[in-house]
């Protein structure tokens, strides 16, 4: 019996200790009533950083109430602070308009003094720091355990300009910026619907980066939306500096050369994806927005496909698929037939190739590797160099090195032609990350072609198809609508039907509200 009594006493003591610790933590996190004590703690927490501005202001004309205005220089609009906060509190806000109780003072300032749009109450340091680093202004009053956070974001932000990676001949010329709210506004301008919902959370223990997910309620695939929420909630990392941090943390399969999440810097592409039932993930600090789920065929679609005539767009899509096979297989096919399958080459062409290779000391595989690596070096060098000379250096370098290599007898002219066509074909693919995947796989195919000829290429291609069919993008088959096959979705895959023919959304992506167009086909007027 005594043993049970001692056990319950110990449990009661531990419970009281836990409650006391929680209360102390809550009190410690709450704002103090003393303005000087609050300012001292803020300076201590932020290391008295030079960009943290703390301005003490006497409220009212008599100046008998002290207040503190706190903000970070460069993240707010200082002109609005001077006009709508400091001048208002010092000159326009009379003491006879104040309530006698200090507890009602912040409410009076909030309701009848500060003329700005977004004002929220503040009670603890966690929200204070979060608001401060988000570009808000903090107002604290001496003798009050609460404060106000005022949204006056400003500073120097990049303006909305034309996208640098996804340019179009016909279509919108605006692209995302590094500011999250600017990006969400660009999408809202295109989708004027109350069903466009935004959920924002902060990810990163140190950076506290705002990450938003956007979707259209009633159209979005609820399973995909739930999966996105769960995967984002599992990210535990110090910082998020770009959307690729999110992509690598939540993608379905890490060890695959193919991207399973689409990234774009065009608001119209994101808006089109939302209208199909997808989910957009926007990260503060980057102009590239993620779109899920993503299918293999979509990486060969361009925004301009829906802005040009349907027949021309269909032809261009077929051209991109042909370029995909050229970029992937052209060097390996050339290596295979010149090394193992010379009987497949017409006699005049075989004689020409043999004469070109007469003085070349390397086999075809080594030739291909040398030229491909050289071209990758020139491409990377052109990207990293200043824009004024980067393109000129890459073009001139390619011409000079190619001509010199042929004249020196190191490389055959036919190999130069094959590598050049391969490089140009890789530029036709709209998605940059898909182009990178093809560039990596090209070397694997060349190695198998040099080892086993066309048999190696065939085996590698079959393995590639099987790998693609095994991929998922947030639960959606990566090769849809080809595997599994959906007849209705073929209208906007390889083909592009006229807009009046696109009656339904993609079947696997949008499982609810699949009807998106009820327009009849155009007909000439009756005579």
Protein backbone atom coordinates (compact mmCIF):
# COMPACT_ATOMS: atom_id res chain seq x y z
CA UNK A 1 0.00 0.00 0.00
CA UNK A 2 2.84 2.32 0.91
CA UNK A 3 4.45 1.56 -2.42
CA UNK A 4 1.32 2.69 -4.32
CA UNK A 5 1.13 5.94 -2.28
CA UNK A 6 4.75 6.81 -3.03
CA UNK A 7 4.18 6.05 -6.74
CA UNK A 8 1.13 8.35 -6.97
CA UNK A 9 2.91 11.12 -5.06
CA UNK A 10 5.83 10.94 -7.49
CA UNK A 11 3.47 11.01 -10.50
CA UNK A 12 1.63 14.04 -9.06
CA UNK A 13 4.92 15.82 -8.44
CA UNK A 14 6.10 15.14 -12.02
CA UNK A 15 2.79 16.42 -13.40
CA UNK A 16 2.97 19.65 -11.40
CA UNK A 17 6.57 20.13 -12.50
CA UNK A 18 5.57 19.68 -16.16
CA UNK A 19 2.70 22.16 -15.85
CA UNK A 20 4.99 24.68 -14.13
CA UNK A 21 7.63 24.33 -16.90
CA UNK A 22 4.97 24.86 -19.60
CA UNK A 23 3.69 27.97 -17.81
CA UNK A 24 7.22 29.36 -17.48
CA UNK A 25 7.85 28.69 -21.19
CA UNK A 26 4.58 30.43 -22.09
CA UNK A 27 5.40 33.40 -19.87
CA UNK A 28 8.91 33.60 -21.28
CA UNK A 29 7.57 33.64 -24.85
CA UNK A 30 4.96 36.29 -24.12
CA UNK A 31 5.59 40.01 -24.47
CA UNK A 32 6.42 42.00 -21.34
CA UNK A 33 4.52 45.08 -20.24
CA UNK A 34 7.74 47.10 -20.03
CA UNK A 35 8.74 48.64 -23.35
CA UNK A 36 12.41 48.87 -22.32
CA UNK A 37 12.47 45.20 -21.36
CA UNK A 38 10.92 44.17 -24.70
CA UNK A 39 13.42 46.26 -26.66
CA UNK A 40 16.32 44.87 -24.63
CA UNK A 41 15.24 41.28 -25.32
CA UNK A 42 14.77 41.99 -29.04
CA UNK A 43 18.25 43.55 -29.30
CA UNK A 44 19.74 40.61 -27.44
CA UNK A 45 17.98 38.03 -29.64
CA UNK A 46 18.95 39.79 -32.88
CA UNK A 47 22.51 40.60 -31.82
CA UNK A 48 21.86 44.36 -32.04
CA UNK A 49 21.98 44.05 -35.83
CA UNK A 50 22.42 47.33 -37.68
CA UNK A 51 19.49 46.74 -40.03
CA UNK A 52 17.01 46.37 -37.15
CA UNK A 53 15.55 49.85 -36.63
CA UNK A 54 13.97 50.63 -33.24
CA UNK A 55 12.34 54.05 -33.05
CA UNK A 56 10.87 55.30 -29.76
CA UNK A 57 7.92 57.64 -30.22
CA UNK A 58 5.80 59.56 -27.71
CA UNK A 59 2.13 59.01 -28.48
CA UNK A 60 -0.14 62.04 -28.55
CA UNK A 61 0.51 65.76 -28.40
CA UNK A 62 1.30 65.73 -24.67
CA UNK A 63 3.74 62.88 -25.14
CA UNK A 64 3.05 61.06 -21.91
CA UNK A 65 2.90 57.54 -23.41
CA UNK A 66 5.98 55.81 -24.82
CA UNK A 67 5.80 53.52 -27.83
CA UNK A 68 8.31 51.63 -29.91
CA UNK A 69 8.30 51.17 -33.69
CA UNK A 70 10.45 48.24 -34.83
CA UNK A 71 11.23 47.16 -38.40
CA UNK A 72 14.05 45.83 -40.58
CA UNK A 73 15.54 48.30 -43.00
CA UNK A 74 15.24 47.12 -46.60
CA UNK A 75 12.19 44.94 -46.03
CA UNK A 76 9.64 47.72 -45.52
CA UNK A 77 8.52 50.93 -47.19
CA UNK A 78 10.07 53.63 -44.98
CA UNK A 79 8.04 56.39 -46.61
CA UNK A 80 4.79 54.75 -45.55
CA UNK A 81 6.17 54.30 -42.03
CA UNK A 82 6.93 58.00 -41.77
CA UNK A 83 3.60 59.14 -43.24
CA UNK A 84 1.10 56.66 -41.84
CA UNK A 85 2.63 55.55 -38.54
CA UNK A 86 5.17 57.97 -37.04
CA UNK A 87 3.42 61.23 -38.02
CA UNK A 88 0.04 59.83 -37.06
CA UNK A 89 1.15 58.74 -33.61
CA UNK A 90 3.12 61.93 -32.89
CA UNK A 91 0.78 64.61 -34.22
CA UNK A 92 -2.62 63.38 -35.39
CA UNK A 93 -3.49 61.01 -32.57
CA UNK A 94 -4.76 63.14 -29.69
CA UNK A 95 -4.74 61.95 -26.11
CA UNK A 96 -8.37 62.93 -25.56
CA UNK A 97 -9.29 60.29 -28.16
CA UNK A 98 -7.54 57.58 -26.16
CA UNK A 99 -9.31 55.26 -23.78
CA UNK A 100 -8.45 55.71 -20.13
CA UNK A 101 -7.36 52.07 -19.79
CA UNK A 102 -3.99 51.15 -21.28
CA UNK A 103 -5.35 47.74 -22.21
CA UNK A 104 -7.62 49.47 -24.74
CA UNK A 105 -4.85 51.69 -26.10
CA UNK A 106 -3.75 49.35 -28.88
CA UNK A 107 -7.35 48.92 -29.97
CA UNK A 108 -7.73 52.68 -30.27
CA UNK A 109 -4.55 52.95 -32.32
CA UNK A 110 -5.68 50.07 -34.50
CA UNK A 111 -9.18 51.44 -35.09
CA UNK A 112 -8.68 55.19 -35.36
CA UNK A 113 -5.01 56.06 -35.84
CA UNK A 114 -2.96 53.94 -38.23
CA UNK A 115 -4.25 54.19 -41.81
CA UNK A 116 -2.89 51.00 -43.37
CA UNK A 117 -4.59 47.87 -44.66
CA UNK A 118 -3.18 44.91 -42.73
CA UNK A 119 -3.00 45.17 -38.93
CA UNK A 120 -2.94 42.20 -36.56
CA UNK A 121 -2.55 41.75 -32.82
CA UNK A 122 0.71 40.44 -31.40
CA UNK A 123 1.17 38.60 -28.11
CA UNK A 124 4.42 36.60 -28.20
CA UNK A 125 7.98 36.82 -29.44
CA UNK A 126 7.64 33.96 -31.90
CA UNK A 127 5.04 35.84 -33.95
CA UNK A 128 6.99 39.08 -33.43
CA UNK A 129 10.15 37.72 -35.08
CA UNK A 130 8.16 35.97 -37.79
CA UNK A 131 6.32 39.19 -38.68
CA UNK A 132 9.49 41.26 -38.44
CA UNK A 133 11.38 39.09 -40.95
CA UNK A 134 8.35 39.03 -43.25
CA UNK A 135 8.59 42.78 -43.80
CA UNK A 136 6.10 43.94 -41.18
CA UNK A 137 6.33 46.84 -38.73
CA UNK A 138 5.92 46.15 -35.01
CA UNK A 139 4.32 48.66 -32.61
CA UNK A 140 4.79 48.15 -28.86
CA UNK A 141 3.28 50.34 -26.11
CA UNK A 142 4.83 50.77 -22.68
CA UNK A 143 2.62 49.14 -20.05
CA UNK A 144 0.80 46.85 -22.50
CA UNK A 145 1.59 43.12 -22.90
CA UNK A 146 0.42 43.11 -26.50
CA UNK A 147 1.56 44.71 -29.71
CA UNK A 148 0.55 45.31 -33.31
CA UNK A 149 2.07 43.97 -36.51
CA UNK A 150 1.47 46.14 -39.58
CA UNK A 151 2.02 44.89 -43.12
CA UNK A 152 4.03 47.54 -44.97
CA UNK A 153 6.30 45.39 -47.08
CA UNK A 154 8.65 47.20 -49.40
CA UNK A 155 12.32 47.30 -50.27
CA UNK A 156 13.91 46.59 -53.61
CA UNK A 157 12.24 43.75 -55.50
CA UNK A 158 12.74 42.64 -59.09
CA UNK A 159 9.89 43.82 -61.26
CA UNK A 160 7.78 41.52 -63.42
CA UNK A 161 9.68 40.89 -66.65
CA UNK A 162 9.63 38.43 -69.55
CA UNK A 163 10.73 34.88 -68.64
CA UNK A 164 14.33 34.16 -69.59
CA UNK A 165 13.98 30.37 -70.05
CA UNK A 166 10.50 30.00 -71.59
CA UNK A 167 10.08 32.67 -74.22
CA UNK A 168 7.19 32.55 -76.69
CA UNK A 169 6.37 34.25 -79.96
CA UNK A 170 2.70 34.58 -79.14
CA UNK A 171 1.40 34.69 -75.58
CA UNK A 172 1.85 36.55 -72.28
CA UNK A 173 5.28 38.05 -71.71
CA UNK A 174 5.20 38.18 -67.89
CA UNK A 175 7.16 35.86 -65.62
CA UNK A 176 7.37 35.13 -61.93
CA UNK A 177 9.68 37.06 -59.61
CA UNK A 178 11.42 36.21 -56.33
CA UNK A 179 8.57 37.65 -54.24
CA UNK A 180 5.92 35.16 -53.13
CA UNK A 181 2.99 37.60 -52.97
CA UNK A 182 3.80 39.01 -56.40
CA UNK A 183 3.70 35.48 -57.81
CA UNK A 184 0.37 34.61 -56.19
CA UNK A 185 -1.06 37.90 -57.49
CA UNK A 186 0.06 37.07 -61.05
CA UNK A 187 -1.91 33.82 -60.87
CA UNK A 188 -4.97 35.47 -59.32
CA UNK A 189 -5.07 37.95 -62.19
CA UNK A 190 -5.58 35.03 -64.56
CA UNK A 191 -7.98 32.99 -62.40
CA UNK A 192 -10.58 35.35 -60.96
CA UNK A 193 -12.35 32.74 -58.89
CA UNK A 194 -13.09 32.50 -55.17
CA UNK A 195 -12.32 28.78 -55.46
CA UNK A 196 -8.62 29.52 -55.98
CA UNK A 197 -7.32 28.72 -52.51
CA UNK A 198 -3.86 29.32 -51.02
CA UNK A 199 -2.28 27.59 -48.04
CA UNK A 200 1.01 28.95 -46.69
CA UNK A 201 3.41 27.46 -44.18
CA UNK A 202 6.99 28.21 -43.21
CA UNK A 203 9.61 25.56 -43.86
CA UNK A 204 13.19 25.65 -42.63
CA UNK A 205 14.25 25.81 -39.01
CA UNK A 206 16.61 28.72 -39.69
CA UNK A 207 15.35 30.44 -42.83
CA UNK A 208 11.61 30.11 -42.05
CA UNK A 209 10.87 30.33 -45.79
CA UNK A 210 7.19 30.86 -46.71
CA UNK A 211 5.98 28.07 -48.99
CA UNK A 212 2.48 28.25 -50.50
CA UNK A 213 0.37 25.64 -52.22
CA UNK A 214 -2.31 26.82 -54.65
CA UNK A 215 -5.22 24.83 -56.02
CA UNK A 216 -8.78 25.30 -57.27
CA UNK A 217 -11.30 23.89 -54.84
CA UNK A 218 -13.75 21.57 -56.57
CA UNK A 219 -11.35 20.79 -59.41
CA UNK A 220 -8.17 19.68 -57.63
CA UNK A 221 -7.45 16.01 -57.11
CA UNK A 222 -8.03 15.63 -53.36
CA UNK A 223 -5.68 12.64 -53.10
CA UNK A 224 -2.84 14.59 -54.66
CA UNK A 225 -3.56 17.60 -52.44
CA UNK A 226 -3.48 15.45 -49.30
CA UNK A 227 -0.23 13.85 -50.42
CA UNK A 228 1.36 17.27 -51.04
CA UNK A 229 0.39 18.44 -47.55
CA UNK A 230 1.78 15.32 -45.91
CA UNK A 231 5.08 15.43 -47.78
CA UNK A 232 5.61 19.13 -47.05
CA UNK A 233 4.91 18.56 -43.36
CA UNK A 234 7.68 15.93 -43.23
CA UNK A 235 10.43 18.30 -44.41
CA UNK A 236 12.87 18.99 -41.58
CA UNK A 237 15.72 21.12 -42.86
CA UNK A 238 17.63 24.22 -41.81
CA UNK A 239 16.85 26.28 -44.88
CA UNK A 240 14.94 26.48 -48.15
CA UNK A 241 16.71 28.75 -50.65
CA UNK A 242 15.13 27.59 -53.92
CA UNK A 243 12.24 25.40 -55.05
CA UNK A 244 14.62 22.51 -55.85
CA UNK A 245 15.06 22.04 -52.08
CA UNK A 246 11.34 21.24 -51.97
CA UNK A 247 11.44 19.18 -55.17
CA UNK A 248 14.18 16.85 -53.96
CA UNK A 249 12.49 16.46 -50.58
CA UNK A 250 9.03 15.44 -51.81
CA UNK A 251 9.52 13.84 -55.25
CA UNK A 252 8.39 10.25 -55.72
CA UNK A 253 11.67 8.71 -56.83
CA UNK A 254 15.07 10.17 -56.10
CA UNK A 255 17.28 7.85 -58.11
CA UNK A 256 15.83 8.50 -61.53
CA UNK A 257 17.19 10.72 -64.29
CA UNK A 258 13.69 11.89 -65.22
CA UNK A 259 11.96 14.77 -63.41
CA UNK A 260 8.63 13.92 -61.81
CA UNK A 261 7.80 17.53 -60.90
CA UNK A 262 7.36 20.28 -63.47
CA UNK A 263 8.93 23.69 -62.81
CA UNK A 264 8.10 26.85 -64.70
CA UNK A 265 8.48 30.62 -64.43
CA UNK A 266 5.32 31.39 -66.43
CA UNK A 267 2.06 32.30 -64.63
CA UNK A 268 -0.04 31.14 -67.61
CA UNK A 269 1.47 27.63 -67.45
CA UNK A 270 0.69 27.38 -63.73
CA UNK A 271 -2.84 28.70 -64.30
CA UNK A 272 -3.44 26.10 -67.01
CA UNK A 273 -2.19 23.38 -64.67
CA UNK A 274 -4.49 24.55 -61.86
CA UNK A 275 -7.45 24.46 -64.24
CA UNK A 276 -6.63 20.82 -64.97
CA UNK A 277 -6.72 19.90 -61.28
CA UNK A 278 -3.03 20.17 -60.38
CA UNK A 279 -1.39 21.67 -57.31
CA UNK A 280 1.15 24.50 -57.55
CA UNK A 281 3.93 24.92 -54.97
CA UNK A 282 5.38 28.43 -54.69
CA UNK A 283 8.54 29.17 -52.70
CA UNK A 284 9.52 32.64 -51.58
CA UNK A 285 12.82 33.75 -53.08
CA UNK A 286 12.65 31.98 -56.45
CA UNK A 287 10.77 32.63 -59.71
CA UNK A 288 10.38 28.90 -60.44
CA UNK A 289 7.07 27.37 -59.37
CA UNK A 290 6.53 23.61 -59.02
CA UNK A 291 3.49 21.92 -60.56
CA UNK A 292 2.31 18.43 -59.54
CA UNK A 293 1.46 15.85 -60.65
CA UNK A 294 3.53 15.91 -63.85
CA UNK A 295 3.48 13.46 -66.75
CA UNK A 296 6.26 12.53 -69.17
CA UNK A 297 4.52 13.90 -72.26
CA UNK A 298 3.96 17.31 -70.62
CA UNK A 299 7.69 18.04 -70.66
CA UNK A 300 7.39 18.21 -74.46
CA UNK A 301 4.51 20.69 -74.34
CA UNK A 302 5.08 24.44 -74.50
CA UNK A 303 2.84 27.27 -73.40
CA UNK A 304 2.67 28.45 -76.98
CA UNK A 305 0.96 25.22 -78.06
CA UNK A 306 -2.38 26.61 -76.93
CA UNK A 307 -1.80 30.08 -78.39
CA UNK A 308 -1.17 28.96 -81.98
CA UNK A 309 -3.42 27.05 -84.37
CA UNK A 310 -4.11 23.47 -83.31
CA UNK A 311 -2.73 21.89 -86.50
CA UNK A 312 0.55 23.80 -86.28
CA UNK A 313 0.87 22.96 -82.58
CA UNK A 314 0.33 19.27 -83.30
CA UNK A 315 3.04 19.32 -85.96
CA UNK A 316 5.49 21.03 -83.60
CA UNK A 317 4.78 18.44 -80.89
CA UNK A 318 5.63 15.63 -83.27
CA UNK A 319 8.82 17.51 -84.16
CA UNK A 320 9.79 17.67 -80.48
CA UNK A 321 9.28 13.91 -80.08
CA UNK A 322 11.48 13.28 -83.14
CA UNK A 323 14.13 15.58 -81.64
CA UNK A 324 13.91 13.61 -78.39
CA UNK A 325 14.89 10.42 -80.20
CA UNK A 326 17.61 12.24 -82.19
CA UNK A 327 19.12 13.78 -79.04
CA UNK A 328 19.03 10.45 -77.21
CA UNK A 329 20.00 7.95 -79.91
CA UNK A 330 21.81 9.69 -82.79
CA UNK A 331 25.42 9.41 -81.48
CA UNK A 332 24.96 5.86 -80.19
CA UNK A 333 23.31 4.75 -83.45
CA UNK A 334 26.20 6.22 -85.46
CA UNK A 335 28.74 4.47 -83.22
CA UNK A 336 26.89 1.15 -83.52
CA UNK A 337 26.54 1.06 -87.33
CA UNK A 338 30.08 2.28 -88.00
CA UNK A 339 31.59 -0.20 -85.54
CA UNK A 340 29.48 -3.36 -85.88
CA UNK A 341 26.90 -2.99 -88.64
CA UNK A 342 28.66 -1.55 -91.69
CA UNK A 343 26.44 -3.71 -93.94
CA UNK A 344 23.51 -1.42 -93.06
CA UNK A 345 25.24 1.60 -94.62
CA UNK A 346 24.73 2.26 -98.38
CA UNK A 347 27.92 1.65 -100.35
CA UNK A 348 28.52 5.28 -101.50
CA UNK A 349 28.04 6.53 -97.95
CA UNK A 350 30.24 3.76 -96.56
CA UNK A 351 33.04 4.73 -98.94
CA UNK A 352 32.70 8.38 -97.95
CA UNK A 353 32.81 7.55 -94.22
CA UNK A 354 35.80 5.24 -94.72
CA UNK A 355 37.71 7.95 -96.55
CA UNK A 356 36.97 10.46 -93.78
CA UNK A 357 38.14 8.05 -91.08
CA UNK A 358 41.28 7.03 -92.93
CA UNK A 359 43.59 9.22 -90.86
CA UNK A 360 41.55 9.31 -87.62
CA UNK A 361 43.50 7.51 -84.83
CA UNK A 362 40.52 6.92 -82.53
CA UNK A 363 37.56 4.53 -82.76
CA UNK A 364 34.09 5.98 -83.29
CA UNK A 365 33.18 5.67 -79.61
CA UNK A 366 36.18 7.70 -78.46
CA UNK A 367 35.40 10.28 -81.16
CA UNK A 368 31.83 10.61 -79.93
CA UNK A 369 32.87 10.90 -76.27
CA UNK A 370 35.49 13.56 -77.06
CA UNK A 371 33.08 15.67 -79.08
CA UNK A 372 30.17 15.31 -76.66
CA UNK A 373 32.33 16.23 -73.66
CA UNK A 374 33.81 19.16 -75.57
CA UNK A 375 30.36 20.41 -76.48
CA UNK A 376 29.17 20.09 -72.85
CA UNK A 377 32.20 22.10 -71.73
CA UNK A 378 31.44 24.82 -74.29
CA UNK A 379 27.78 24.88 -73.31
CA UNK A 380 28.54 25.15 -69.59
CA UNK A 381 31.24 27.75 -70.22
CA UNK A 382 28.82 29.84 -72.28
CA UNK A 383 26.27 29.76 -69.45
CA UNK A 384 28.75 30.76 -66.71
CA UNK A 385 30.48 33.51 -68.65
CA UNK A 386 29.07 37.06 -68.82
CA UNK A 387 26.10 37.28 -71.15
CA UNK A 388 27.78 39.83 -73.40
CA UNK A 389 30.49 37.33 -74.42
CA UNK A 390 29.05 33.95 -73.39
CA UNK A 391 27.09 33.19 -76.55
CA UNK A 392 29.81 34.49 -78.83
CA UNK A 393 32.46 32.38 -77.11
CA UNK A 394 30.36 29.21 -77.26
CA UNK A 395 29.52 29.64 -80.96
CA UNK A 396 33.01 30.68 -82.06
CA UNK A 397 34.59 28.01 -79.85
CA UNK A 398 32.43 25.30 -81.39
CA UNK A 399 33.27 26.35 -84.95
CA UNK A 400 36.99 26.77 -84.32
CA UNK A 401 37.42 23.55 -82.34
CA UNK A 402 35.31 21.50 -84.78
CA UNK A 403 37.12 22.79 -87.86
CA UNK A 404 40.54 22.42 -86.27
CA UNK A 405 39.79 18.87 -85.08
CA UNK A 406 38.74 17.77 -88.57
CA UNK A 407 41.74 19.41 -90.27
CA UNK A 408 44.10 17.89 -87.71
CA UNK A 409 42.68 14.43 -88.38
CA UNK A 410 41.53 13.83 -84.80
CA UNK A 411 37.80 13.72 -85.60
CA UNK A 412 35.91 12.80 -88.76
CA UNK A 413 33.59 15.34 -90.37
CA UNK A 414 30.64 12.95 -90.13
CA UNK A 415 31.01 12.81 -86.32
CA UNK A 416 30.98 16.61 -86.16
CA UNK A 417 27.69 16.62 -88.10
CA UNK A 418 26.11 13.99 -85.82
CA UNK A 419 27.12 15.79 -82.61
CA UNK A 420 25.92 19.14 -83.96
CA UNK A 421 22.51 17.75 -84.95
CA UNK A 422 22.24 16.04 -81.55
CA UNK A 423 22.99 19.29 -79.73
CA UNK A 424 20.50 21.31 -81.75
CA UNK A 425 17.82 18.66 -81.22
CA UNK A 426 18.30 18.82 -77.45
CA UNK A 427 17.58 22.57 -77.53
CA UNK A 428 14.16 21.94 -79.12
CA UNK A 429 12.83 20.28 -75.94
CA UNK A 430 11.00 23.02 -73.95
CA UNK A 431 11.75 21.68 -70.44
CA UNK A 432 15.35 22.27 -69.41
CA UNK A 433 15.38 19.48 -66.79
CA UNK A 434 14.16 16.94 -69.35
CA UNK A 435 16.93 18.07 -71.71
CA UNK A 436 19.48 17.45 -68.94
CA UNK A 437 18.11 13.92 -68.46
CA UNK A 438 18.57 13.15 -72.15
CA UNK A 439 22.11 14.52 -72.08
CA UNK A 440 23.02 12.17 -69.22
CA UNK A 441 21.42 9.09 -70.79
CA UNK A 442 23.13 9.79 -74.12
CA UNK A 443 26.52 8.72 -72.70
CA UNK A 444 25.04 5.47 -71.36
CA UNK A 445 23.60 4.62 -74.76
CA UNK A 446 26.91 5.39 -76.48
CA UNK A 447 28.77 3.04 -74.14
CA UNK A 448 26.31 0.20 -74.78
CA UNK A 449 26.43 0.85 -78.53
CA UNK A 450 30.23 0.61 -78.48
CA UNK A 451 30.05 -2.65 -76.51
CA UNK A 452 27.11 -4.51 -78.07
CA UNK A 453 26.05 -2.57 -81.14
CA UNK A 454 22.36 -2.22 -81.95
CA UNK A 455 21.58 -5.02 -79.51
CA UNK A 456 22.89 -2.88 -76.66
CA UNK A 457 20.84 0.12 -77.83
CA UNK A 458 17.69 -2.01 -78.06
CA UNK A 459 18.20 -3.52 -74.59
CA UNK A 460 18.85 -0.07 -73.07
CA UNK A 461 15.78 1.39 -74.75
CA UNK A 462 13.55 -1.43 -73.45
CA UNK A 463 14.95 -0.88 -69.94
CA UNK A 464 14.29 2.83 -70.31
CA UNK A 465 10.64 2.23 -71.26
CA UNK A 466 10.17 -0.14 -68.31
CA UNK A 467 11.70 2.44 -65.97
CA UNK A 468 9.41 5.18 -67.27
CA UNK A 469 6.36 2.95 -66.81
CA UNK A 470 7.36 2.28 -63.20
CA UNK A 471 7.49 5.96 -62.25
CA UNK A 472 4.73 7.82 -60.42
CA UNK A 473 4.16 11.50 -59.83
CA UNK A 474 2.26 11.84 -56.56
CA UNK A 475 0.54 8.55 -57.25
CA UNK A 476 -0.30 9.30 -60.90
CA UNK A 477 1.33 7.02 -63.56
CA UNK A 478 4.15 8.95 -65.21
CA UNK A 479 3.42 7.61 -68.71
CA UNK A 480 -0.29 8.44 -68.63
CA UNK A 481 -2.29 8.74 -70.91
CA UNK A 482 -0.30 6.09 -72.85
CA UNK A 483 0.19 3.64 -70.02
CA UNK A 484 -2.49 3.24 -68.79
CA UNK A 485 -4.18 4.21 -72.03
CA UNK A 486 -6.94 6.86 -71.91
CA UNK A 487 -8.56 7.61 -75.24
CA UNK A 488 -10.09 10.93 -74.16
CA UNK A 489 -6.74 12.28 -72.96
CA UNK A 490 -5.11 11.66 -76.34
CA UNK A 491 -6.68 14.93 -77.50
CA UNK A 492 -3.98 16.91 -75.68
CA UNK A 493 -0.94 14.64 -75.58
CA UNK A 494 0.88 13.98 -78.86
CA UNK A 495 -1.98 15.68 -80.65
CA UNK A 496 -3.54 19.02 -79.78
CA UNK A 497 -7.23 19.19 -80.65
CA UNK A 498 -8.94 22.56 -81.12
CA UNK A 499 -10.09 24.15 -77.87
CA UNK A 500 -13.73 23.36 -78.59
CA UNK A 501 -12.72 19.68 -78.81
CA UNK A 502 -11.05 19.58 -75.40
CA UNK A 503 -14.21 18.76 -73.48
CA UNK A 504 -12.72 17.08 -70.40
CA UNK A 505 -9.79 17.46 -68.06
CA UNK A 506 -7.10 14.74 -67.80
CA UNK A 507 -8.84 11.68 -66.38
CA UNK A 508 -6.34 10.59 -63.72
CA UNK A 509 -5.43 14.10 -62.59
CA UNK A 510 -8.91 15.56 -62.07
CA UNK A 511 -11.30 12.95 -60.71
CA UNK A 512 -14.07 15.45 -60.00
CA UNK A 513 -15.66 18.12 -62.17
CA UNK A 514 -14.05 16.66 -65.30
CA UNK A 515 -16.06 18.81 -67.74
CA UNK A 516 -14.17 21.94 -68.68
CA UNK A 517 -15.54 22.99 -72.06
CA UNK A 518 -19.04 22.80 -73.46
CA UNK A 519 -18.51 25.05 -76.46
CA UNK A 520 -19.87 23.68 -79.79
CA UNK A 521 -17.67 23.42 -82.84
CA UNK A 522 -17.72 26.61 -84.96
CA UNK A 523 -20.00 26.60 -87.97
CA UNK A 524 -20.47 29.12 -90.76
CA UNK A 525 -23.74 31.08 -90.67
CA UNK A 526 -26.66 29.76 -92.68
CA UNK A 527 -27.28 31.54 -95.96
